[in-house]
Amino acid sequence: MSEELQDSTGAPVRVELDEQGHSYVISVDDGTVAGHAYFLPGPDTETERIFFHTVVDEDFGGRGLSKILVAEALEDSLERGVTVVPVCPLFVKKLQETGDDYAAQGGRFRSATGEDFDIVKRQA
């Protein structure tokens, strides 16, 4: 994932993958966790991630952290060869806006199916 990330105020932030917690985590400069982009393994558990919920603590609102979190999760998924299945509205919107560019870079994504929504309902 990208180094030297900054929020809209210019403050440094960091995004890391928490495999065990099934999320990407965004932290501010002092290490405080500000938010998560949660995912579940898709039907093809090895190569798909269903992104179903993104949340940033209201104390960190207005700093563009959710956009950074989504962008970094997509970039890391591209690098890992993981197919993104967007259920979270933030991921859906981002891929509607930039999906062609993402695919041109080698990123893979597909629309969520009923089976994907069932996985989220069962596990989330």
C-alpha atoms as a PDB file:
ATOM      1  CA  MET A   1       0.000   0.000   0.000  1.00  0.00           C
ATOM      2  CA  SER A   2       1.061   3.573  -0.573  1.00  0.00           C
ATOM      3  CA  GLU A   3       3.393   5.241   1.863  1.00  0.00           C
ATOM      4  CA  GLU A   4       3.258   8.893   2.860  1.00  0.00           C
ATOM      5  CA  LEU A   5      -0.511   9.249   2.710  1.00  0.00           C
ATOM      6  CA  GLN A   6      -2.064  12.498   3.866  1.00  0.00           C
ATOM      7  CA  ASP A   7      -5.621  13.410   4.751  1.00  0.00           C
ATOM      8  CA  SER A   8      -7.287  16.590   3.479  1.00  0.00           C
ATOM      9  CA  THR A   9      -5.666  18.610   6.292  1.00  0.00           C
ATOM     10  CA  GLY A  10      -2.185  17.463   5.255  1.00  0.00           C
ATOM     11  CA  ALA A  11      -1.794  15.240   8.321  1.00  0.00           C
ATOM     12  CA  PRO A  12      -0.126  11.861   7.753  1.00  0.00           C
ATOM     13  CA  VAL A  13      -2.310   8.753   7.789  1.00  0.00           C
ATOM     14  CA  ARG A  14      -1.561   5.073   7.333  1.00  0.00           C
ATOM     15  CA  VAL A  15      -3.628   2.244   5.873  1.00  0.00           C
ATOM     16  CA  GLU A  16      -2.851  -1.359   6.757  1.00  0.00           C
ATOM     17  CA  LEU A  17      -4.457  -4.704   6.042  1.00  0.00           C
ATOM     18  CA  ASP A  18      -5.739  -6.584   9.097  1.00  0.00           C
ATOM     19  CA  GLU A  19      -6.167 -10.075   7.634  1.00  0.00           C
ATOM     20  CA  GLN A  20      -7.466 -11.575  10.874  1.00  0.00           C
ATOM     21  CA  GLY A  21      -9.983  -8.763  11.375  1.00  0.00           C
ATOM     22  CA  HIS A  22     -11.014  -8.861   7.693  1.00  0.00           C
ATOM     23  CA  SER A  23     -10.523  -5.148   7.251  1.00  0.00           C
ATOM     24  CA  TYR A  24      -8.299  -2.386   6.038  1.00  0.00           C
ATOM     25  CA  VAL A  25      -7.517  -0.048   8.918  1.00  0.00           C
ATOM     26  CA  ILE A  26      -6.777   3.660   8.652  1.00  0.00           C
ATOM     27  CA  SER A  27      -4.794   5.279  11.452  1.00  0.00           C
ATOM     28  CA  VAL A  28      -3.854   8.884  12.069  1.00  0.00           C
ATOM     29  CA  ASP A  29      -0.343  10.132  12.829  1.00  0.00           C
ATOM     30  CA  ASP A  30      -0.381   9.217  16.543  1.00  0.00           C
ATOM     31  CA  GLY A  31      -1.470   5.647  15.739  1.00  0.00           C
ATOM     32  CA  THR A  32      -5.125   6.109  16.668  1.00  0.00           C
ATOM     33  CA  VAL A  33      -7.385   3.928  14.545  1.00  0.00           C
ATOM     34  CA  ALA A  34      -9.812   6.205  12.731  1.00  0.00           C
ATOM     35  CA  GLY A  35     -11.734   3.712  10.604  1.00  0.00           C
ATOM     36  CA  HIS A  36     -12.126   0.383   8.831  1.00  0.00           C
ATOM     37  CA  ALA A  37     -13.149  -0.993   5.443  1.00  0.00           C
ATOM     38  CA  TYR A  38     -14.571  -4.420   6.248  1.00  0.00           C
ATOM     39  CA  PHE A  39     -14.648  -7.347   3.842  1.00  0.00           C
ATOM     40  CA  LEU A  40     -15.537 -11.024   3.788  1.00  0.00           C
ATOM     41  CA  PRO A  41     -14.193 -13.770   1.570  1.00  0.00           C
ATOM     42  CA  GLY A  42     -16.405 -14.199  -1.485  1.00  0.00           C
ATOM     43  CA  PRO A  43     -17.731 -17.470  -2.886  1.00  0.00           C
ATOM     44  CA  ASP A  44     -14.248 -18.057  -4.317  1.00  0.00           C
ATOM     45  CA  THR A  45     -12.646 -17.554  -0.914  1.00  0.00           C
ATOM     46  CA  GLU A  46      -9.079 -17.432  -2.205  1.00  0.00           C
ATOM     47  CA  THR A  47      -9.480 -14.705  -4.808  1.00  0.00           C
ATOM     48  CA  GLU A  48     -12.528 -12.602  -3.901  1.00  0.00           C
ATOM     49  CA  ARG A  49     -13.320 -10.071  -1.216  1.00  0.00           C
ATOM     50  CA  ILE A  50     -16.792  -8.711  -0.574  1.00  0.00           C
ATOM     51  CA  PHE A  51     -16.396  -5.157   0.754  1.00  0.00           C
ATOM     52  CA  PHE A  52     -19.568  -4.619   2.772  1.00  0.00           C
ATOM     53  CA  HIS A  53     -19.012  -1.800   5.292  1.00  0.00           C
ATOM     54  CA  THR A  54     -16.732   1.210   5.606  1.00  0.00           C
ATOM     55  CA  VAL A  55     -16.759   3.347   8.729  1.00  0.00           C
ATOM     56  CA  VAL A  56     -14.717   6.304   9.956  1.00  0.00           C
ATOM     57  CA  ASP A  57     -15.089   7.516  13.533  1.00  0.00           C
ATOM     58  CA  GLU A  58     -17.049  10.780  13.625  1.00  0.00           C
ATOM     59  CA  ASP A  59     -14.157  12.423  15.512  1.00  0.00           C
ATOM     60  CA  PHE A  60     -12.195  12.184  12.249  1.00  0.00           C
ATOM     61  CA  GLY A  61     -14.985  13.297   9.909  1.00  0.00           C
ATOM     62  CA  GLY A  62     -14.372  15.764   7.102  1.00  0.00           C
ATOM     63  CA  ARG A  63     -10.769  14.728   6.516  1.00  0.00           C
ATOM     64  CA  GLY A  64     -11.345  12.502   3.489  1.00  0.00           C
ATOM     65  CA  LEU A  65     -10.362   9.340   5.352  1.00  0.00           C
ATOM     66  CA  SER A  66     -13.067   7.125   3.864  1.00  0.00           C
ATOM     67  CA  LYS A  67     -11.927   8.033   0.338  1.00  0.00           C
ATOM     68  CA  ILE A  68      -8.313   7.238   1.220  1.00  0.00           C
ATOM     69  CA  LEU A  69      -9.382   3.968   2.836  1.00  0.00           C
ATOM     70  CA  VAL A  70     -11.391   2.840  -0.191  1.00  0.00           C
ATOM     71  CA  ALA A  71      -8.646   3.843  -2.639  1.00  0.00           C
ATOM     72  CA  GLU A  72      -5.953   2.022  -0.665  1.00  0.00           C
ATOM     73  CA  ALA A  73      -8.087  -1.115  -0.268  1.00  0.00           C
ATOM     74  CA  LEU A  74      -8.657  -1.147  -4.034  1.00  0.00           C
ATOM     75  CA  GLU A  75      -4.963  -0.599  -4.757  1.00  0.00           C
ATOM     76  CA  ASP A  76      -3.935  -3.425  -2.436  1.00  0.00           C
ATOM     77  CA  SER A  77      -6.579  -5.725  -3.907  1.00  0.00           C
ATOM     78  CA  LEU A  78      -5.213  -4.974  -7.375  1.00  0.00           C
ATOM     79  CA  GLU A  79      -1.655  -5.764  -6.237  1.00  0.00           C
ATOM     80  CA  ARG A  80      -2.791  -9.031  -4.629  1.00  0.00           C
ATOM     81  CA  GLY A  81      -4.847 -10.097  -7.654  1.00  0.00           C
ATOM     82  CA  VAL A  82      -8.046 -10.144  -5.607  1.00  0.00           C
ATOM     83  CA  THR A  83     -11.436  -9.610  -7.226  1.00  0.00           C
ATOM     84  CA  VAL A  84     -13.366  -6.859  -5.467  1.00  0.00           C
ATOM     85  CA  VAL A  85     -17.084  -7.376  -4.903  1.00  0.00           C
ATOM     86  CA  PRO A  86     -18.548  -4.019  -3.835  1.00  0.00           C
ATOM     87  CA  VAL A  87     -21.554  -4.081  -1.506  1.00  0.00           C
ATOM     88  CA  CYS A  88     -20.589  -1.027   0.554  1.00  0.00           C
ATOM     89  CA  PRO A  89     -21.981   2.095  -1.161  1.00  0.00           C
ATOM     90  CA  LEU A  90     -18.571   3.804  -1.002  1.00  0.00           C
ATOM     91  CA  PHE A  91     -16.936   0.974  -2.964  1.00  0.00           C
ATOM     92  CA  VAL A  92     -19.857   0.834  -5.413  1.00  0.00           C
ATOM     93  CA  LYS A  93     -19.590   4.573  -6.072  1.00  0.00           C
ATOM     94  CA  LYS A  94     -15.793   4.530  -6.452  1.00  0.00           C
ATOM     95  CA  LEU A  95     -15.919   1.670  -8.950  1.00  0.00           C
ATOM     96  CA  GLN A  96     -18.771   3.303 -10.873  1.00  0.00           C
ATOM     97  CA  GLU A  97     -16.591   6.406 -11.196  1.00  0.00           C
ATOM     98  CA  THR A  98     -13.206   4.783 -11.824  1.00  0.00           C
ATOM     99  CA  GLY A  99     -13.888   1.132 -12.645  1.00  0.00           C
ATOM    100  CA  ASP A 100     -12.663   1.386 -16.242  1.00  0.00           C
ATOM    101  CA  ASP A 101      -9.342   2.848 -15.115  1.00  0.00           C
ATOM    102  CA  TYR A 102      -9.088   0.265 -12.326  1.00  0.00           C
ATOM    103  CA  ALA A 103      -9.645  -2.565 -14.808  1.00  0.00           C
ATOM    104  CA  ALA A 104      -7.161  -1.030 -17.264  1.00  0.00           C
ATOM    105  CA  GLN A 105      -4.527  -1.211 -14.510  1.00  0.00           C
ATOM    106  CA  GLY A 106      -5.287  -4.914 -14.026  1.00  0.00           C
ATOM    107  CA  GLY A 107      -7.799  -4.610 -11.208  1.00  0.00           C
ATOM    108  CA  ARG A 108     -10.712  -7.020 -11.113  1.00  0.00           C
ATOM    109  CA  PHE A 109     -14.194  -6.417  -9.778  1.00  0.00           C
ATOM    110  CA  ARG A 110     -17.685  -7.717 -10.334  1.00  0.00           C
ATOM    111  CA  SER A 111     -21.187  -6.775  -9.276  1.00  0.00           C
ATOM    112  CA  ALA A 112     -22.518  -8.338  -6.114  1.00  0.00           C
ATOM    113  CA  THR A 113     -24.910 -11.264  -6.497  1.00  0.00           C
ATOM    114  CA  GLY A 114     -27.592 -12.635  -4.226  1.00  0.00           C
ATOM    115  CA  GLU A 115     -25.073 -15.188  -2.992  1.00  0.00           C
ATOM    116  CA  ASP A 116     -22.706 -12.366  -1.988  1.00  0.00           C
ATOM    117  CA  PHE A 117     -25.459 -10.581  -0.057  1.00  0.00           C
ATOM    118  CA  ASP A 118     -26.317 -13.869   1.660  1.00  0.00           C
ATOM    119  CA  ILE A 119     -22.682 -14.249   2.764  1.00  0.00           C
ATOM    120  CA  VAL A 120     -22.745 -10.757   4.258  1.00  0.00           C
ATOM    121  CA  LYS A 121     -26.059 -11.393   6.034  1.00  0.00           C
ATOM    122  CA  ARG A 122     -24.789 -14.671   7.515  1.00  0.00           C
ATOM    123  CA  GLN A 123     -21.377 -13.453   8.669  1.00  0.00           C
ATOM    124  CA  ALA A 124     -21.661  -9.751   9.335  1.00  0.00           C
END
